[in-house]
């Protein structure tokens, strides 16, 4: 793919920016 598909690269961040906050909002604790 052109530039290895750089424009469509999916970052490794959603677990931390969205999933963990969602789990915490539902009552999941630090442990």
ModelCIF file with pLDDT and N, C-alpha, C, O atoms, coordinates in Angstrom:
data_MODEL
#
_entry.id   MODEL 
#
_entity.id                         1 
_entity.type                       polymer 
_entity.pdbx_number_of_molecules   1 
#
_entity_poly.entity_id                      1 
_entity_poly.type                           'polypeptide(L)' 
_entity_poly.nstd_linkage                   no 
_entity_poly.nstd_monomer                   no 
_entity_poly.pdbx_seq_one_letter_code       
;(UNK)(UNK)(UNK)(UNK)(UNK)(UNK)(UNK)(UNK)(UNK)(UNK)(UNK)(UNK)(UNK)(UNK)(UNK)(UNK)
(UNK)(UNK)(UNK)(UNK)(UNK)(UNK)(UNK)(UNK)(UNK)(UNK)(UNK)(UNK)(UNK)(UNK)(UNK)
;
_entity_poly.pdbx_seq_one_letter_code_can   XXXXXXXXXXXXXXXXXXXXXXXXXXXXXXX 
_entity_poly.pdbx_strand_id                 A 
#
loop_
_entity_poly_seq.entity_id 
_entity_poly_seq.num 
_entity_poly_seq.mon_id 
_entity_poly_seq.hetero 
1 1  UNK n 
1 2  UNK n 
1 3  UNK n 
1 4  UNK n 
1 5  UNK n 
1 6  UNK n 
1 7  UNK n 
1 8  UNK n 
1 9  UNK n 
1 10 UNK n 
1 11 UNK n 
1 12 UNK n 
1 13 UNK n 
1 14 UNK n 
1 15 UNK n 
1 16 UNK n 
1 17 UNK n 
1 18 UNK n 
1 19 UNK n 
1 20 UNK n 
1 21 UNK n 
1 22 UNK n 
1 23 UNK n 
1 24 UNK n 
1 25 UNK n 
1 26 UNK n 
1 27 UNK n 
1 28 UNK n 
1 29 UNK n 
1 30 UNK n 
1 31 UNK n 
#
_struct_asym.id          A 
_struct_asym.entity_id   1 
#
loop_
_ma_qa_metric.id 
_ma_qa_metric.mode 
_ma_qa_metric.name 
_ma_qa_metric.software_group_id 
_ma_qa_metric.type 
1 global pLDDT . pLDDT 
2 local  pLDDT . pLDDT 
#
_ma_qa_metric_global.metric_id      1 
_ma_qa_metric_global.metric_value   97.16 
_ma_qa_metric_global.model_id       1 
_ma_qa_metric_global.ordinal_id     1 
#
loop_
_ma_qa_metric_local.label_asym_id 
_ma_qa_metric_local.label_comp_id 
_ma_qa_metric_local.label_seq_id 
_ma_qa_metric_local.metric_id 
_ma_qa_metric_local.metric_value 
_ma_qa_metric_local.model_id 
_ma_qa_metric_local.ordinal_id 
A UNK 1  2 96.00 1 1  
A UNK 2  2 95.00 1 2  
A UNK 3  2 96.00 1 3  
A UNK 4  2 97.00 1 4  
A UNK 5  2 97.00 1 5  
A UNK 6  2 96.00 1 6  
A UNK 7  2 94.00 1 7  
A UNK 8  2 95.00 1 8  
A UNK 9  2 97.00 1 9  
A UNK 10 2 97.00 1 10 
A UNK 11 2 98.00 1 11 
A UNK 12 2 98.00 1 12 
A UNK 13 2 98.00 1 13 
A UNK 14 2 98.00 1 14 
A UNK 15 2 98.00 1 15 
A UNK 16 2 98.00 1 16 
A UNK 17 2 98.00 1 17 
A UNK 18 2 98.00 1 18 
A UNK 19 2 98.00 1 19 
A UNK 20 2 98.00 1 20 
A UNK 21 2 98.00 1 21 
A UNK 22 2 98.00 1 22 
A UNK 23 2 98.00 1 23 
A UNK 24 2 98.00 1 24 
A UNK 25 2 98.00 1 25 
A UNK 26 2 97.00 1 26 
A UNK 27 2 97.00 1 27 
A UNK 28 2 97.00 1 28 
A UNK 29 2 97.00 1 29 
A UNK 30 2 97.00 1 30 
A UNK 31 2 97.00 1 31 
#
loop_
_atom_site.group_PDB 
_atom_site.id 
_atom_site.type_symbol 
_atom_site.label_atom_id 
_atom_site.label_alt_id 
_atom_site.label_comp_id 
_atom_site.label_asym_id 
_atom_site.label_entity_id 
_atom_site.label_seq_id 
_atom_site.pdbx_PDB_ins_code 
_atom_site.Cartn_x 
_atom_site.Cartn_y 
_atom_site.Cartn_z 
_atom_site.occupancy 
_atom_site.B_iso_or_equiv 
_atom_site.pdbx_formal_charge 
_atom_site.auth_seq_id 
_atom_site.auth_comp_id 
_atom_site.auth_asym_id 
_atom_site.auth_atom_id 
_atom_site.pdbx_PDB_model_num 
ATOM 1   N N  . UNK A 1 1  ? 0.837   -1.186 0.000  1.00 96.00 ? 1  UNK A N  1 
ATOM 2   C CA . UNK A 1 1  ? 0.000   0.000  0.000  1.00 96.00 ? 1  UNK A CA 1 
ATOM 3   C C  . UNK A 1 1  ? 0.884   1.253  0.000  1.00 96.00 ? 1  UNK A C  1 
ATOM 4   O O  . UNK A 1 1  ? 2.002   1.211  0.514  1.00 96.00 ? 1  UNK A O  1 
ATOM 5   N N  . UNK A 1 2  ? 0.404   2.363  -0.565 1.00 95.00 ? 2  UNK A N  1 
ATOM 6   C CA . UNK A 1 2  ? 1.205   3.594  -0.572 1.00 95.00 ? 2  UNK A CA 1 
ATOM 7   C C  . UNK A 1 2  ? 1.617   3.997  0.843  1.00 95.00 ? 2  UNK A C  1 
ATOM 8   O O  . UNK A 1 2  ? 0.778   4.093  1.738  1.00 95.00 ? 2  UNK A O  1 
ATOM 9   N N  . UNK A 1 3  ? 2.915   4.232  1.036  1.00 96.00 ? 3  UNK A N  1 
ATOM 10  C CA . UNK A 1 3  ? 3.458   4.578  2.354  1.00 96.00 ? 3  UNK A CA 1 
ATOM 11  C C  . UNK A 1 3  ? 3.084   3.541  3.406  1.00 96.00 ? 3  UNK A C  1 
ATOM 12  O O  . UNK A 1 3  ? 2.972   3.863  4.589  1.00 96.00 ? 3  UNK A O  1 
ATOM 13  N N  . UNK A 1 4  ? 2.891   2.293  2.973  1.00 97.00 ? 4  UNK A N  1 
ATOM 14  C CA . UNK A 1 4  ? 2.520   1.239  3.917  1.00 97.00 ? 4  UNK A CA 1 
ATOM 15  C C  . UNK A 1 4  ? 1.158   1.438  4.544  1.00 97.00 ? 4  UNK A C  1 
ATOM 16  O O  . UNK A 1 4  ? 0.875   0.881  5.605  1.00 97.00 ? 4  UNK A O  1 
ATOM 17  N N  . UNK A 1 5  ? 0.307   2.227  3.902  1.00 97.00 ? 5  UNK A N  1 
ATOM 18  C CA . UNK A 1 5  ? -1.011  2.503  4.472  1.00 97.00 ? 5  UNK A CA 1 
ATOM 19  C C  . UNK A 1 5  ? -0.950  3.396  5.687  1.00 97.00 ? 5  UNK A C  1 
ATOM 20  O O  . UNK A 1 5  ? -1.794  3.297  6.578  1.00 97.00 ? 5  UNK A O  1 
ATOM 21  N N  . UNK A 1 6  ? 0.050   4.276  5.732  1.00 96.00 ? 6  UNK A N  1 
ATOM 22  C CA . UNK A 1 6  ? 0.267   5.117  6.918  1.00 96.00 ? 6  UNK A CA 1 
ATOM 23  C C  . UNK A 1 6  ? -0.963  5.926  7.289  1.00 96.00 ? 6  UNK A C  1 
ATOM 24  O O  . UNK A 1 6  ? -1.229  6.148  8.470  1.00 96.00 ? 6  UNK A O  1 
ATOM 25  N N  . UNK A 1 7  ? -1.716  6.370  6.286  1.00 94.00 ? 7  UNK A N  1 
ATOM 26  C CA . UNK A 1 7  ? -2.883  7.208  6.569  1.00 94.00 ? 7  UNK A CA 1 
ATOM 27  C C  . UNK A 1 7  ? -3.979  6.434  7.294  1.00 94.00 ? 7  UNK A C  1 
ATOM 28  O O  . UNK A 1 7  ? -4.814  7.027  7.977  1.00 94.00 ? 7  UNK A O  1 
ATOM 29  N N  . UNK A 1 8  ? -3.976  5.111  7.147  1.00 95.00 ? 8  UNK A N  1 
ATOM 30  C CA . UNK A 1 8  ? -5.009  4.287  7.777  1.00 95.00 ? 8  UNK A CA 1 
ATOM 31  C C  . UNK A 1 8  ? -4.482  3.515  8.984  1.00 95.00 ? 8  UNK A C  1 
ATOM 32  O O  . UNK A 1 8  ? -5.161  2.621  9.489  1.00 95.00 ? 8  UNK A O  1 
ATOM 33  N N  . UNK A 1 9  ? -3.291  3.848  9.444  1.00 97.00 ? 9  UNK A N  1 
ATOM 34  C CA . UNK A 1 9  ? -2.683  3.137  10.579 1.00 97.00 ? 9  UNK A CA 1 
ATOM 35  C C  . UNK A 1 9  ? -3.565  3.296  11.816 1.00 97.00 ? 9  UNK A C  1 
ATOM 36  O O  . UNK A 1 9  ? -3.947  4.409  12.179 1.00 97.00 ? 9  UNK A O  1 
ATOM 37  N N  . UNK A 1 10 ? -3.880  2.178  12.455 1.00 97.00 ? 10 UNK A N  1 
ATOM 38  C CA . UNK A 1 10 ? -4.686  2.212  13.674 1.00 97.00 ? 10 UNK A CA 1 
ATOM 39  C C  . UNK A 1 10 ? -3.757  2.247  14.888 1.00 97.00 ? 10 UNK A C  1 
ATOM 40  O O  . UNK A 1 10 ? -2.985  1.309  15.088 1.00 97.00 ? 10 UNK A O  1 
ATOM 41  N N  . UNK A 1 11 ? -3.809  3.287  15.690 1.00 98.00 ? 11 UNK A N  1 
ATOM 42  C CA . UNK A 1 11 ? -2.875  3.419  16.813 1.00 98.00 ? 11 UNK A CA 1 
ATOM 43  C C  . UNK A 1 11 ? -3.169  2.443  17.941 1.00 98.00 ? 11 UNK A C  1 
ATOM 44  O O  . UNK A 1 11 ? -4.239  1.837  18.013 1.00 98.00 ? 11 UNK A O  1 
ATOM 45  N N  . UNK A 1 12 ? -2.189  2.314  18.811 1.00 98.00 ? 12 UNK A N  1 
ATOM 46  C CA . UNK A 1 12 ? -2.284  1.393  19.949 1.00 98.00 ? 12 UNK A CA 1 
ATOM 47  C C  . UNK A 1 12 ? -2.702  2.165  21.209 1.00 98.00 ? 12 UNK A C  1 
ATOM 48  O O  . UNK A 1 12 ? -2.017  2.092  22.230 1.00 98.00 ? 12 UNK A O  1 
ATOM 49  N N  . UNK A 1 13 ? -3.810  2.896  21.148 1.00 98.00 ? 13 UNK A N  1 
ATOM 50  C CA . UNK A 1 13 ? -4.107  3.791  22.274 1.00 98.00 ? 13 UNK A CA 1 
ATOM 51  C C  . UNK A 1 13 ? -5.508  3.674  22.864 1.00 98.00 ? 13 UNK A C  1 
ATOM 52  O O  . UNK A 1 13 ? -5.725  4.128  23.988 1.00 98.00 ? 13 UNK A O  1 
ATOM 53  N N  . UNK A 1 14 ? -6.470  3.085  22.151 1.00 98.00 ? 14 UNK A N  1 
ATOM 54  C CA . UNK A 1 14 ? -7.863  3.159  22.569 1.00 98.00 ? 14 UNK A CA 1 
ATOM 55  C C  . UNK A 1 14 ? -8.126  2.429  23.883 1.00 98.00 ? 14 UNK A C  1 
ATOM 56  O O  . UNK A 1 14 ? -9.005  2.832  24.644 1.00 98.00 ? 14 UNK A O  1 
ATOM 57  N N  . UNK A 1 15 ? -7.384  1.371  24.160 1.00 98.00 ? 15 UNK A N  1 
ATOM 58  C CA . UNK A 1 15 ? -7.530  0.692  25.457 1.00 98.00 ? 15 UNK A CA 1 
ATOM 59  C C  . UNK A 1 15 ? -7.379  1.690  26.602 1.00 98.00 ? 15 UNK A C  1 
ATOM 60  O O  . UNK A 1 15 ? -8.096  1.618  27.600 1.00 98.00 ? 15 UNK A O  1 
ATOM 61  N N  . UNK A 1 16 ? -6.445  2.615  26.446 1.00 98.00 ? 16 UNK A N  1 
ATOM 62  C CA . UNK A 1 16 ? -6.108  3.534  27.537 1.00 98.00 ? 16 UNK A CA 1 
ATOM 63  C C  . UNK A 1 16 ? -6.937  4.825  27.497 1.00 98.00 ? 16 UNK A C  1 
ATOM 64  O O  . UNK A 1 16 ? -7.287  5.377  28.540 1.00 98.00 ? 16 UNK A O  1 
ATOM 65  N N  . UNK A 1 17 ? -7.241  5.294  26.299 1.00 98.00 ? 17 UNK A N  1 
ATOM 66  C CA . UNK A 1 17 ? -7.962  6.560  26.200 1.00 98.00 ? 17 UNK A CA 1 
ATOM 67  C C  . UNK A 1 17 ? -9.470  6.404  26.308 1.00 98.00 ? 17 UNK A C  1 
ATOM 68  O O  . UNK A 1 17 ? -10.166 7.356  26.660 1.00 98.00 ? 17 UNK A O  1 
ATOM 69  N N  . UNK A 1 18 ? -9.992  5.199  26.005 1.00 98.00 ? 18 UNK A N  1 
ATOM 70  C CA . UNK A 1 18 ? -11.447 5.030  26.001 1.00 98.00 ? 18 UNK A CA 1 
ATOM 71  C C  . UNK A 1 18 ? -11.935 3.805  26.783 1.00 98.00 ? 18 UNK A C  1 
ATOM 72  O O  . UNK A 1 18 ? -12.880 3.916  27.564 1.00 98.00 ? 18 UNK A O  1 
ATOM 73  N N  . UNK A 1 19 ? -11.303 2.632  26.584 1.00 98.00 ? 19 UNK A N  1 
ATOM 74  C CA . UNK A 1 19 ? -11.831 1.433  27.238 1.00 98.00 ? 19 UNK A CA 1 
ATOM 75  C C  . UNK A 1 19 ? -11.650 1.480  28.745 1.00 98.00 ? 19 UNK A C  1 
ATOM 76  O O  . UNK A 1 19 ? -12.606 1.254  29.486 1.00 98.00 ? 19 UNK A O  1 
ATOM 77  N N  . UNK A 1 20 ? -10.439 1.770  29.212 1.00 98.00 ? 20 UNK A N  1 
ATOM 78  C CA . UNK A 1 20 ? -10.221 1.814  30.664 1.00 98.00 ? 20 UNK A CA 1 
ATOM 79  C C  . UNK A 1 20 ? -11.112 2.864  31.330 1.00 98.00 ? 20 UNK A C  1 
ATOM 80  O O  . UNK A 1 20 ? -11.724 2.552  32.351 1.00 98.00 ? 20 UNK A O  1 
ATOM 81  N N  . UNK A 1 21 ? -11.221 4.099  30.803 1.00 98.00 ? 21 UNK A N  1 
ATOM 82  C CA . UNK A 1 21 ? -12.155 5.048  31.412 1.00 98.00 ? 21 UNK A CA 1 
ATOM 83  C C  . UNK A 1 21 ? -13.598 4.539  31.442 1.00 98.00 ? 21 UNK A C  1 
ATOM 84  O O  . UNK A 1 21 ? -14.324 4.796  32.402 1.00 98.00 ? 21 UNK A O  1 
ATOM 85  N N  . UNK A 1 22 ? -14.017 3.820  30.399 1.00 98.00 ? 22 UNK A N  1 
ATOM 86  C CA . UNK A 1 22 ? -15.372 3.271  30.381 1.00 98.00 ? 22 UNK A CA 1 
ATOM 87  C C  . UNK A 1 22 ? -15.539 2.203  31.460 1.00 98.00 ? 22 UNK A C  1 
ATOM 88  O O  . UNK A 1 22 ? -16.560 2.172  32.146 1.00 98.00 ? 22 UNK A O  1 
ATOM 89  N N  . UNK A 1 23 ? -14.554 1.339  31.612 1.00 98.00 ? 23 UNK A N  1 
ATOM 90  C CA . UNK A 1 23 ? -14.619 0.318  32.662 1.00 98.00 ? 23 UNK A CA 1 
ATOM 91  C C  . UNK A 1 23 ? -14.635 0.956  34.047 1.00 98.00 ? 23 UNK A C  1 
ATOM 92  O O  . UNK A 1 23 ? -15.365 0.507  34.931 1.00 98.00 ? 23 UNK A O  1 
ATOM 93  N N  . UNK A 1 24 ? -13.842 1.990  34.236 1.00 98.00 ? 24 UNK A N  1 
ATOM 94  C CA . UNK A 1 24 ? -13.833 2.688  35.519 1.00 98.00 ? 24 UNK A CA 1 
ATOM 95  C C  . UNK A 1 24 ? -15.169 3.365  35.794 1.00 98.00 ? 24 UNK A C  1 
ATOM 96  O O  . UNK A 1 24 ? -15.637 3.383  36.932 1.00 98.00 ? 24 UNK A O  1 
ATOM 97  N N  . UNK A 1 25 ? -15.779 3.917  34.762 1.00 98.00 ? 25 UNK A N  1 
ATOM 98  C CA . UNK A 1 25 ? -17.088 4.549  34.925 1.00 98.00 ? 25 UNK A CA 1 
ATOM 99  C C  . UNK A 1 25 ? -18.149 3.528  35.315 1.00 98.00 ? 25 UNK A C  1 
ATOM 100 O O  . UNK A 1 25 ? -19.160 3.880  35.921 1.00 98.00 ? 25 UNK A O  1 
ATOM 101 N N  . UNK A 1 26 ? -17.921 2.271  34.970 1.00 97.00 ? 26 UNK A N  1 
ATOM 102 C CA . UNK A 1 26 ? -18.867 1.199  35.323 1.00 97.00 ? 26 UNK A CA 1 
ATOM 103 C C  . UNK A 1 26 ? -18.500 0.526  36.640 1.00 97.00 ? 26 UNK A C  1 
ATOM 104 O O  . UNK A 1 26 ? -19.090 -0.489 37.010 1.00 97.00 ? 26 UNK A O  1 
ATOM 105 N N  . UNK A 1 27 ? -17.525 1.092  37.344 1.00 97.00 ? 27 UNK A N  1 
ATOM 106 C CA . UNK A 1 27 ? -17.221 0.612  38.681 1.00 97.00 ? 27 UNK A CA 1 
ATOM 107 C C  . UNK A 1 27 ? -15.993 -0.244 38.825 1.00 97.00 ? 27 UNK A C  1 
ATOM 108 O O  . UNK A 1 27 ? -15.722 -0.743 39.917 1.00 97.00 ? 27 UNK A O  1 
ATOM 109 N N  . UNK A 1 28 ? -15.229 -0.435 37.751 1.00 97.00 ? 28 UNK A N  1 
ATOM 110 C CA . UNK A 1 28 ? -14.026 -1.250 37.854 1.00 97.00 ? 28 UNK A CA 1 
ATOM 111 C C  . UNK A 1 28 ? -12.921 -0.453 38.531 1.00 97.00 ? 28 UNK A C  1 
ATOM 112 O O  . UNK A 1 28 ? -12.673 0.701  38.181 1.00 97.00 ? 28 UNK A O  1 
ATOM 113 N N  . UNK A 1 29 ? -12.267 -1.070 39.494 1.00 97.00 ? 29 UNK A N  1 
ATOM 114 C CA . UNK A 1 29 ? -11.254 -0.383 40.279 1.00 97.00 ? 29 UNK A CA 1 
ATOM 115 C C  . UNK A 1 29 ? -9.849  -0.593 39.767 1.00 97.00 ? 29 UNK A C  1 
ATOM 116 O O  . UNK A 1 29 ? -9.629  -1.287 38.774 1.00 97.00 ? 29 UNK A O  1 
ATOM 117 N N  . UNK A 1 30 ? -8.897  0.016  40.455 1.00 97.00 ? 30 UNK A N  1 
ATOM 118 C CA . UNK A 1 30 ? -7.506  -0.016 40.045 1.00 97.00 ? 30 UNK A CA 1 
ATOM 119 C C  . UNK A 1 30 ? -6.942  -1.436 40.029 1.00 97.00 ? 30 UNK A C  1 
ATOM 120 O O  . UNK A 1 30 ? -6.173  -1.798 39.139 1.00 97.00 ? 30 UNK A O  1 
ATOM 121 N N  . UNK A 1 31 ? -7.330  -2.229 41.019 1.00 97.00 ? 31 UNK A N  1 
ATOM 122 C CA . UNK A 1 31 ? -6.822  -3.603 41.091 1.00 97.00 ? 31 UNK A CA 1 
ATOM 123 C C  . UNK A 1 31 ? -7.277  -4.410 39.885 1.00 97.00 ? 31 UNK A C  1 
ATOM 124 O O  . UNK A 1 31 ? -6.947  -5.590 39.772 1.00 97.00 ? 31 UNK A O  1 
#
